[in-house]
Amino acid sequence: MNALEILLVEDNAADAKLTIIALQEANVSNKIVLLRDGNEALEYIFGSIEDRVPKVIFLDLKMPKVNGNEVLAKLKQDGRTRKIPVVMFTSSQEPRDIKECFDLGANSYLVKPVDYDDFSKVVKSMGQYWTLHNITVD
């Protein structure tokens, strides 16, 4: 299995576009796959898990169809996907959301800044950390 992709699971088109631009500006060379909701994410991940494993998943919390917590729970319960780093990247600062994500196995929880420059800085550092500096195991 090759860990080559960044999966961005984000239903907000503007946030998705800003995230992709910031990752590209940070020279993150991994292929970025944008998925628009939790159901699409689960189909993509479990439909291709034998062929490829994402290097990291940036997962929004509040999405239609299947929310981020449901996606996170399924990923962390399956032995094939349990070790994939999952970064919750959301606008929610609710303590119960943060606690639930970590209880389900999130590797990181980042709140999306409202200001464009701050948003860009967070995404760039997040992308560089998880794709260049973080060490994973198979």
N, C-alpha and C. Protein backbone atom coordinates (compact mmCIF):
# COMPACT_ATOMS: atom_id res chain seq x y z
N MET A 1 0.84 -1.18 0.00
CA MET A 1 0.00 0.00 0.00
C MET A 1 0.89 1.25 0.00
N ASN A 2 0.55 2.20 -0.82
CA ASN A 2 1.31 3.44 -0.90
C ASN A 2 0.54 4.59 -0.27
N ALA A 3 1.19 5.35 0.59
CA ALA A 3 0.57 6.51 1.22
C ALA A 3 0.97 7.75 0.45
N LEU A 4 0.18 8.12 -0.56
CA LEU A 4 0.56 9.20 -1.45
C LEU A 4 -0.40 10.38 -1.44
N GLU A 5 -1.61 10.18 -1.03
CA GLU A 5 -2.64 11.18 -1.21
C GLU A 5 -2.97 11.93 0.06
N ILE A 6 -3.47 13.13 -0.15
CA ILE A 6 -4.15 13.86 0.91
C ILE A 6 -5.62 13.81 0.55
N LEU A 7 -6.43 13.32 1.46
CA LEU A 7 -7.87 13.36 1.25
C LEU A 7 -8.41 14.56 2.01
N LEU A 8 -9.07 15.42 1.30
CA LEU A 8 -9.73 16.58 1.89
C LEU A 8 -11.22 16.32 1.80
N VAL A 9 -11.84 16.15 2.95
CA VAL A 9 -13.28 15.89 2.98
C VAL A 9 -13.94 17.16 3.50
N GLU A 10 -14.54 17.91 2.58
CA GLU A 10 -15.03 19.25 2.89
C GLU A 10 -16.24 19.57 2.01
N ASP A 11 -17.37 19.90 2.62
CA ASP A 11 -18.57 20.20 1.85
C ASP A 11 -18.69 21.67 1.47
N ASN A 12 -17.92 22.55 2.10
CA ASN A 12 -17.96 23.97 1.79
C ASN A 12 -16.98 24.25 0.65
N ALA A 13 -17.52 24.65 -0.50
CA ALA A 13 -16.68 24.84 -1.69
C ALA A 13 -15.60 25.91 -1.49
N ALA A 14 -15.93 26.99 -0.80
CA ALA A 14 -14.95 28.06 -0.58
C ALA A 14 -13.81 27.57 0.32
N ASP A 15 -14.16 26.87 1.40
CA ASP A 15 -13.12 26.34 2.30
C ASP A 15 -12.24 25.33 1.57
N ALA A 16 -12.86 24.50 0.74
CA ALA A 16 -12.10 23.50 -0.01
C ALA A 16 -11.11 24.18 -0.96
N LYS A 17 -11.58 25.19 -1.66
CA LYS A 17 -10.72 25.90 -2.61
C LYS A 17 -9.55 26.58 -1.89
N LEU A 18 -9.84 27.26 -0.79
CA LEU A 18 -8.79 27.93 -0.02
C LEU A 18 -7.78 26.92 0.53
N THR A 19 -8.26 25.79 0.97
CA THR A 19 -7.37 24.75 1.51
C THR A 19 -6.44 24.23 0.43
N ILE A 20 -6.99 23.93 -0.72
CA ILE A 20 -6.18 23.40 -1.83
C ILE A 20 -5.14 24.44 -2.28
N ILE A 21 -5.55 25.68 -2.39
CA ILE A 21 -4.61 26.74 -2.79
C ILE A 21 -3.48 26.86 -1.77
N ALA A 22 -3.83 26.88 -0.48
CA ALA A 22 -2.81 27.02 0.56
C ALA A 22 -1.85 25.83 0.55
N LEU A 23 -2.35 24.62 0.34
CA LEU A 23 -1.48 23.45 0.28
C LEU A 23 -0.53 23.54 -0.91
N GLN A 24 -1.05 23.99 -2.03
CA GLN A 24 -0.19 24.15 -3.21
C GLN A 24 0.85 25.23 -2.99
N GLU A 25 0.46 26.33 -2.35
CA GLU A 25 1.42 27.41 -2.06
C GLU A 25 2.50 26.95 -1.09
N ALA A 26 2.17 25.97 -0.25
CA ALA A 26 3.14 25.43 0.71
C ALA A 26 4.03 24.37 0.07
N ASN A 27 3.87 24.16 -1.24
CA ASN A 27 4.65 23.18 -1.99
C ASN A 27 4.44 21.76 -1.49
N VAL A 28 3.24 21.48 -1.01
CA VAL A 28 2.90 20.11 -0.66
C VAL A 28 2.63 19.40 -1.98
N SER A 29 3.46 18.43 -2.31
CA SER A 29 3.42 17.82 -3.64
C SER A 29 2.51 16.61 -3.74
N ASN A 30 1.94 16.19 -2.63
CA ASN A 30 1.04 15.05 -2.67
C ASN A 30 -0.20 15.37 -3.50
N LYS A 31 -0.75 14.34 -4.11
CA LYS A 31 -2.01 14.49 -4.83
C LYS A 31 -3.09 14.80 -3.79
N ILE A 32 -3.92 15.79 -4.09
CA ILE A 32 -5.01 16.18 -3.20
C ILE A 32 -6.32 15.71 -3.84
N VAL A 33 -7.04 14.89 -3.10
CA VAL A 33 -8.34 14.40 -3.56
C VAL A 33 -9.41 15.07 -2.71
N LEU A 34 -10.32 15.79 -3.37
CA LEU A 34 -11.41 16.48 -2.69
C LEU A 34 -12.66 15.62 -2.73
N LEU A 35 -13.21 15.37 -1.57
CA LEU A 35 -14.46 14.64 -1.44
C LEU A 35 -15.45 15.55 -0.73
N ARG A 36 -16.69 15.56 -1.17
CA ARG A 36 -17.66 16.58 -0.74
C ARG A 36 -18.53 16.21 0.45
N ASP A 37 -18.55 14.96 0.85
CA ASP A 37 -19.33 14.60 2.04
C ASP A 37 -18.81 13.28 2.61
N GLY A 38 -19.29 12.94 3.79
CA GLY A 38 -18.80 11.76 4.48
C GLY A 38 -19.10 10.46 3.75
N ASN A 39 -20.23 10.38 3.10
CA ASN A 39 -20.59 9.17 2.36
C ASN A 39 -19.62 8.96 1.20
N GLU A 40 -19.32 10.03 0.48
CA GLU A 40 -18.37 9.95 -0.62
C GLU A 40 -16.99 9.54 -0.11
N ALA A 41 -16.62 10.05 1.07
CA ALA A 41 -15.32 9.71 1.66
C ALA A 41 -15.25 8.22 1.98
N LEU A 42 -16.27 7.69 2.60
CA LEU A 42 -16.26 6.27 2.96
C LEU A 42 -16.22 5.38 1.72
N GLU A 43 -16.99 5.74 0.70
CA GLU A 43 -16.97 4.96 -0.55
C GLU A 43 -15.59 5.00 -1.19
N TYR A 44 -14.98 6.17 -1.21
CA TYR A 44 -13.66 6.31 -1.82
C TYR A 44 -12.61 5.51 -1.04
N ILE A 45 -12.59 5.69 0.26
CA ILE A 45 -11.56 5.05 1.09
C ILE A 45 -11.71 3.54 1.08
N PHE A 46 -12.88 3.05 1.39
CA PHE A 46 -13.05 1.60 1.50
C PHE A 46 -13.18 0.92 0.15
N GLY A 47 -13.47 1.69 -0.90
CA GLY A 47 -13.50 1.12 -2.24
C GLY A 47 -12.13 0.96 -2.86
N SER A 48 -11.12 1.62 -2.28
CA SER A 48 -9.79 1.59 -2.87
C SER A 48 -8.70 1.21 -1.87
N ILE A 49 -9.08 0.77 -0.69
CA ILE A 49 -8.09 0.57 0.38
C ILE A 49 -7.04 -0.47 0.02
N GLU A 50 -7.35 -1.39 -0.83
CA GLU A 50 -6.36 -2.41 -1.21
C GLU A 50 -5.31 -1.84 -2.16
N ASP A 51 -5.65 -0.76 -2.87
CA ASP A 51 -4.75 -0.18 -3.86
C ASP A 51 -3.90 0.97 -3.32
N ARG A 52 -4.49 1.76 -2.44
CA ARG A 52 -3.77 2.94 -1.94
C ARG A 52 -4.34 3.36 -0.59
N VAL A 53 -3.48 3.94 0.19
CA VAL A 53 -3.86 4.45 1.50
C VAL A 53 -3.48 5.92 1.54
N PRO A 54 -4.41 6.80 1.90
CA PRO A 54 -4.03 8.21 1.98
C PRO A 54 -2.97 8.45 3.03
N LYS A 55 -2.11 9.40 2.79
CA LYS A 55 -1.08 9.78 3.77
C LYS A 55 -1.73 10.45 4.97
N VAL A 56 -2.76 11.24 4.71
CA VAL A 56 -3.48 11.93 5.77
C VAL A 56 -4.88 12.29 5.26
N ILE A 57 -5.81 12.39 6.19
CA ILE A 57 -7.17 12.81 5.86
C ILE A 57 -7.47 14.08 6.64
N PHE A 58 -7.83 15.15 5.92
CA PHE A 58 -8.30 16.38 6.54
C PHE A 58 -9.82 16.33 6.45
N LEU A 59 -10.46 16.24 7.60
CA LEU A 59 -11.89 15.91 7.67
C LEU A 59 -12.69 16.99 8.35
N ASP A 60 -13.69 17.51 7.64
CA ASP A 60 -14.62 18.47 8.23
C ASP A 60 -15.56 17.70 9.16
N LEU A 61 -16.10 18.39 10.13
CA LEU A 61 -16.97 17.75 11.11
C LEU A 61 -18.43 17.76 10.69
N LYS A 62 -18.93 18.91 10.35
CA LYS A 62 -20.37 19.07 10.06
C LYS A 62 -20.58 19.00 8.56
N MET A 63 -21.04 17.81 8.11
CA MET A 63 -21.27 17.59 6.68
C MET A 63 -22.60 16.88 6.48
N PRO A 64 -23.15 17.01 5.27
CA PRO A 64 -24.39 16.29 4.98
C PRO A 64 -24.15 14.79 4.79
N LYS A 65 -25.21 14.05 4.82
CA LYS A 65 -25.24 12.59 4.61
C LYS A 65 -24.58 11.85 5.75
N VAL A 66 -23.27 11.88 5.82
CA VAL A 66 -22.52 11.22 6.90
C VAL A 66 -21.58 12.27 7.47
N ASN A 67 -21.70 12.55 8.78
CA ASN A 67 -20.87 13.60 9.35
C ASN A 67 -19.45 13.12 9.64
N GLY A 68 -18.59 14.06 9.97
CA GLY A 68 -17.19 13.75 10.20
C GLY A 68 -16.95 12.75 11.31
N ASN A 69 -17.73 12.82 12.38
CA ASN A 69 -17.56 11.86 13.47
C ASN A 69 -17.88 10.43 13.04
N GLU A 70 -18.88 10.29 12.19
CA GLU A 70 -19.23 8.95 11.70
C GLU A 70 -18.11 8.41 10.81
N VAL A 71 -17.56 9.26 9.96
CA VAL A 71 -16.44 8.84 9.11
C VAL A 71 -15.25 8.46 9.98
N LEU A 72 -14.92 9.31 10.94
CA LEU A 72 -13.80 9.07 11.85
C LEU A 72 -13.97 7.74 12.58
N ALA A 73 -15.16 7.49 13.10
CA ALA A 73 -15.42 6.25 13.85
C ALA A 73 -15.18 5.03 12.97
N LYS A 74 -15.68 5.06 11.74
CA LYS A 74 -15.50 3.91 10.84
C LYS A 74 -14.03 3.70 10.49
N LEU A 75 -13.31 4.79 10.28
CA LEU A 75 -11.89 4.68 9.95
C LEU A 75 -11.10 4.07 11.10
N LYS A 76 -11.37 4.52 12.30
CA LYS A 76 -10.58 4.08 13.45
C LYS A 76 -11.00 2.70 13.96
N GLN A 77 -12.15 2.20 13.53
CA GLN A 77 -12.60 0.86 13.92
C GLN A 77 -12.11 -0.22 12.98
N ASP A 78 -11.63 0.16 11.82
CA ASP A 78 -11.22 -0.81 10.82
C ASP A 78 -9.69 -0.95 10.84
N GLY A 79 -9.21 -2.15 10.97
CA GLY A 79 -7.77 -2.39 11.04
C GLY A 79 -7.00 -1.90 9.83
N ARG A 80 -7.63 -1.84 8.67
CA ARG A 80 -6.95 -1.39 7.45
C ARG A 80 -6.75 0.11 7.41
N THR A 81 -7.56 0.86 8.16
CA THR A 81 -7.51 2.32 8.10
C THR A 81 -7.21 2.98 9.44
N ARG A 82 -7.11 2.21 10.47
CA ARG A 82 -6.94 2.73 11.84
C ARG A 82 -5.73 3.65 11.98
N LYS A 83 -4.65 3.36 11.28
CA LYS A 83 -3.41 4.12 11.46
C LYS A 83 -3.29 5.34 10.55
N ILE A 84 -4.25 5.56 9.67
CA ILE A 84 -4.22 6.74 8.81
C ILE A 84 -4.45 7.97 9.70
N PRO A 85 -3.56 8.94 9.67
CA PRO A 85 -3.79 10.15 10.46
C PRO A 85 -5.03 10.90 9.97
N VAL A 86 -5.88 11.26 10.92
CA VAL A 86 -7.08 12.02 10.60
C VAL A 86 -7.03 13.34 11.37
N VAL A 87 -7.05 14.42 10.61
CA VAL A 87 -7.04 15.76 11.18
C VAL A 87 -8.43 16.35 11.02
N MET A 88 -9.08 16.62 12.12
CA MET A 88 -10.37 17.29 12.07
C MET A 88 -10.09 18.76 11.81
N PHE A 89 -10.63 19.28 10.71
CA PHE A 89 -10.42 20.67 10.32
C PHE A 89 -11.79 21.28 10.15
N THR A 90 -12.23 22.00 11.18
CA THR A 90 -13.63 22.39 11.28
C THR A 90 -13.77 23.78 11.88
N SER A 91 -14.96 24.33 11.78
CA SER A 91 -15.23 25.63 12.38
C SER A 91 -15.73 25.50 13.82
N SER A 92 -16.04 24.30 14.25
CA SER A 92 -16.59 24.11 15.60
C SER A 92 -15.52 24.21 16.67
N GLN A 93 -15.81 25.04 17.65
CA GLN A 93 -14.96 25.16 18.83
C GLN A 93 -15.65 24.58 20.06
N GLU A 94 -16.74 23.88 19.85
CA GLU A 94 -17.52 23.32 20.95
C GLU A 94 -16.71 22.26 21.68
N PRO A 95 -16.56 22.40 22.99
CA PRO A 95 -15.80 21.40 23.76
C PRO A 95 -16.31 19.97 23.57
N ARG A 96 -17.62 19.79 23.44
CA ARG A 96 -18.15 18.42 23.26
C ARG A 96 -17.73 17.84 21.91
N ASP A 97 -17.66 18.69 20.87
CA ASP A 97 -17.20 18.22 19.55
C ASP A 97 -15.74 17.81 19.63
N ILE A 98 -14.93 18.65 20.28
CA ILE A 98 -13.50 18.37 20.40
C ILE A 98 -13.28 17.06 21.16
N LYS A 99 -13.97 16.91 22.28
CA LYS A 99 -13.83 15.70 23.09
C LYS A 99 -14.26 14.46 22.32
N GLU A 100 -15.39 14.55 21.63
CA GLU A 100 -15.89 13.40 20.89
C GLU A 100 -14.91 12.98 19.79
N CYS A 101 -14.35 13.95 19.10
CA CYS A 101 -13.39 13.62 18.04
C CYS A 101 -12.17 12.90 18.60
N PHE A 102 -11.64 13.38 19.70
CA PHE A 102 -10.48 12.71 20.29
C PHE A 102 -10.87 11.35 20.87
N ASP A 103 -12.06 11.24 21.44
CA ASP A 103 -12.52 9.94 21.93
C ASP A 103 -12.65 8.92 20.81
N LEU A 104 -12.97 9.39 19.61
CA LEU A 104 -13.12 8.51 18.45
C LEU A 104 -11.78 8.20 17.78
N GLY A 105 -10.71 8.90 18.17
CA GLY A 105 -9.40 8.59 17.63
C GLY A 105 -8.78 9.62 16.72
N ALA A 106 -9.32 10.84 16.69
CA ALA A 106 -8.71 11.89 15.85
C ALA A 106 -7.26 12.10 16.27
N ASN A 107 -6.41 12.36 15.29
CA ASN A 107 -5.00 12.62 15.57
C ASN A 107 -4.74 14.09 15.84
N SER A 108 -5.63 14.95 15.38
CA SER A 108 -5.48 16.39 15.58
C SER A 108 -6.84 17.04 15.38
N TYR A 109 -7.01 18.20 16.00
CA TYR A 109 -8.26 18.96 15.86
C TYR A 109 -7.87 20.42 15.68
N LEU A 110 -8.16 20.97 14.52
CA LEU A 110 -7.83 22.35 14.22
C LEU A 110 -9.10 23.12 13.85
N VAL A 111 -9.23 24.31 14.42
CA VAL A 111 -10.36 25.17 14.12
C VAL A 111 -9.98 26.08 12.96
N LYS A 112 -10.85 26.14 11.96
CA LYS A 112 -10.61 26.98 10.78
C LYS A 112 -10.66 28.45 11.17
N PRO A 113 -9.59 29.17 10.94
CA PRO A 113 -9.64 30.61 11.19
C PRO A 113 -10.56 31.30 10.18
N VAL A 114 -11.17 32.39 10.59
CA VAL A 114 -12.06 33.13 9.71
C VAL A 114 -11.26 34.02 8.76
N ASP A 115 -10.20 34.61 9.24
CA ASP A 115 -9.35 35.50 8.45
C ASP A 115 -8.58 34.70 7.39
N TYR A 116 -8.57 35.19 6.14
CA TYR A 116 -7.93 34.46 5.05
C TYR A 116 -6.45 34.19 5.32
N ASP A 117 -5.71 35.20 5.76
CA ASP A 117 -4.27 35.01 5.98
C ASP A 117 -4.02 33.97 7.08
N ASP A 118 -4.80 34.04 8.15
CA ASP A 118 -4.65 33.05 9.22
C ASP A 118 -5.04 31.65 8.74
N PHE A 119 -6.11 31.58 7.96
CA PHE A 119 -6.56 30.30 7.39
C PHE A 119 -5.43 29.70 6.55
N SER A 120 -4.85 30.51 5.69
CA SER A 120 -3.78 30.05 4.81
C SER A 120 -2.57 29.56 5.61
N LYS A 121 -2.18 30.30 6.64
CA LYS A 121 -1.04 29.91 7.47
C LYS A 121 -1.29 28.58 8.16
N VAL A 122 -2.49 28.40 8.70
CA VAL A 122 -2.82 27.15 9.39
C VAL A 122 -2.77 25.98 8.41
N VAL A 123 -3.37 26.14 7.25
CA VAL A 123 -3.39 25.06 6.26
C VAL A 123 -1.98 24.72 5.79
N LYS A 124 -1.17 25.73 5.52
CA LYS A 124 0.20 25.48 5.08
C LYS A 124 0.99 24.69 6.12
N SER A 125 0.91 25.12 7.37
CA SER A 125 1.66 24.41 8.41
C SER A 125 1.10 23.02 8.64
N MET A 126 -0.23 22.88 8.57
CA MET A 126 -0.87 21.58 8.72
C MET A 126 -0.42 20.64 7.60
N GLY A 127 -0.44 21.12 6.38
CA GLY A 127 -0.04 20.29 5.24
C GLY A 127 1.41 19.87 5.32
N GLN A 128 2.28 20.80 5.64
CA GLN A 128 3.70 20.48 5.73
C GLN A 128 3.98 19.50 6.87
N TYR A 129 3.36 19.72 8.01
CA TYR A 129 3.60 18.82 9.13
C TYR A 129 3.17 17.39 8.79
N TRP A 130 1.94 17.23 8.34
CA TRP A 130 1.39 15.89 8.14
C TRP A 130 1.96 15.17 6.92
N THR A 131 2.45 15.89 5.92
CA THR A 131 2.98 15.22 4.74
C THR A 131 4.50 15.13 4.72
N LEU A 132 5.19 16.05 5.39
CA LEU A 132 6.65 16.05 5.35
C LEU A 132 7.31 15.60 6.65
N HIS A 133 6.75 15.98 7.77
CA HIS A 133 7.44 15.77 9.05
C HIS A 133 6.89 14.61 9.88
N ASN A 134 5.62 14.32 9.77
CA ASN A 134 5.02 13.25 10.57
C ASN A 134 5.50 11.88 10.06
N ILE A 135 5.86 11.04 10.99
CA ILE A 135 6.31 9.67 10.64
C ILE A 135 5.16 8.72 10.94
N THR A 136 4.85 7.86 9.98
CA THR A 136 3.78 6.88 10.17
C THR A 136 4.32 5.47 10.06
N VAL A 137 3.49 4.52 10.46
CA VAL A 137 3.83 3.11 10.34
C VAL A 137 2.79 2.42 9.49
N ASP A 138 3.20 1.36 8.81
CA ASP A 138 2.25 0.59 7.99
C ASP A 138 1.54 -0.43 8.85
